[in-house]
Protein backbone atom coordinates (compact mmCIF):
# COMPACT_ATOMS: atom_id res chain seq x y z
CA MET A 1 143.60 32.68 1.42
CA LEU A 2 147.08 31.96 0.07
CA ILE A 3 147.49 30.27 -3.31
CA GLN A 4 150.83 28.83 -4.33
CA LEU A 5 151.50 28.72 -8.06
CA LEU A 6 154.04 26.15 -9.28
CA VAL A 7 155.19 27.26 -12.71
CA GLY A 8 157.87 25.84 -14.98
CA PRO A 9 159.09 26.24 -18.53
CA ASP A 10 157.44 24.24 -21.32
CA MET A 11 159.26 21.12 -22.41
CA SER A 12 161.56 21.20 -19.39
CA GLU A 13 161.70 19.76 -15.91
CA GLY A 14 161.40 21.84 -12.79
CA GLU A 15 159.17 24.56 -11.51
CA GLU A 16 159.29 27.58 -9.29
CA SER A 17 156.89 28.80 -6.64
CA PHE A 18 154.93 32.06 -6.67
CA GLU A 19 152.47 32.99 -3.92
CA VAL A 20 149.34 35.11 -4.22
CA LEU A 21 147.05 36.32 -1.43
CA VAL A 22 143.36 36.20 -2.30
CA TYR A 23 140.89 38.57 -0.68
CA THR A 24 137.16 39.03 -1.01
CA PRO A 25 135.83 42.59 -0.82
CA ALA A 26 134.61 41.87 2.73
CA GLY A 27 137.97 40.40 3.71
CA LEU A 28 139.78 43.36 2.23
CA GLU A 29 137.47 45.71 4.12
CA ARG A 30 138.36 43.92 7.39
CA GLN A 31 142.07 44.25 6.58
CA VAL A 32 141.85 48.00 6.01
CA ALA A 33 139.55 48.69 8.96
CA SER A 34 142.57 49.45 11.13
CA GLY A 35 144.42 51.45 8.49
CA PRO A 36 145.86 51.42 4.97
CA LEU A 37 147.14 48.22 3.39
CA LEU A 38 149.93 48.08 0.84
CA GLY A 39 148.99 45.70 -1.94
CA ARG A 40 151.36 43.49 -3.84
CA HIS A 41 150.80 39.97 -5.09
CA ILE A 42 147.10 40.02 -4.27
CA VAL A 43 143.92 39.11 -6.11
CA VAL A 44 140.53 40.45 -5.09
CA ALA A 45 137.76 38.02 -5.98
CA PRO A 46 134.00 38.33 -5.46
CA SER A 47 134.05 35.12 -3.38
CA LEU A 48 136.50 32.52 -2.16
CA ASP A 49 135.80 30.30 -5.15
CA VAL A 50 139.14 28.49 -5.28
CA ASP A 51 138.51 26.93 -8.70
CA GLY A 52 137.48 30.28 -10.15
CA VAL A 53 140.54 32.05 -8.75
CA VAL A 54 142.86 29.28 -9.94
CA ASP A 55 141.32 29.44 -13.42
CA PHE A 56 141.77 33.23 -13.43
CA LEU A 57 145.42 32.95 -12.38
CA ARG A 58 146.10 30.11 -14.82
CA SER A 59 144.69 32.10 -17.74
CA ASN A 60 146.93 35.05 -16.80
CA VAL A 61 150.05 32.94 -16.28
CA GLU A 62 149.58 31.10 -19.57
CA THR A 63 149.79 34.37 -21.53
CA ILE A 64 153.27 35.16 -20.18
CA THR A 65 156.14 34.59 -22.57
CA GLY A 66 159.78 35.52 -22.80
CA GLU A 67 162.99 34.72 -24.63
CA THR A 68 164.42 33.16 -21.46
CA TRP A 69 163.02 31.61 -18.31
CA ARG A 70 164.49 34.58 -16.42
CA GLU A 71 162.34 36.97 -18.49
CA VAL A 72 159.30 34.84 -17.75
CA THR A 73 159.99 34.82 -14.01
CA GLU A 74 160.35 38.61 -14.04
CA ARG A 75 156.82 38.84 -15.47
CA LEU A 76 155.47 36.17 -13.13
CA ARG A 77 156.80 38.19 -10.18
CA GLN A 78 154.21 40.83 -11.05
CA ILE A 79 151.51 38.27 -10.22
CA GLY A 80 152.97 36.40 -7.27
CA ALA A 81 155.79 36.57 -4.75
CA TRP A 82 158.63 34.48 -6.16
CA GLU A 83 160.27 31.92 -3.88
CA PHE A 84 163.72 33.38 -4.71
CA GLU A 85 162.75 37.04 -4.44
CA GLY A 86 165.50 38.88 -2.62
CA TYR A 87 167.83 35.87 -2.78
CA ARG A 88 171.48 36.79 -3.19
CA PRO A 89 173.96 33.95 -3.85
């Protein structure tokens, strides 16, 4: 299951997108049955309880702080794939 997080700075307009893949242990086992799987931007949950996973992600995202929005996005990129990752103007 793919969850898209829309996160923006407090007291400001706008938001940016971060995507996280959610696996259950059984789903992860199916993925690795044919060989190793590199893991980045994933959450392994005991079940596909969307509300529970969203609450878990929200509680983690809400602890992230930084002096600038750029610092915050750098930390958020550890949780989810950022919509502008790899973008070069």
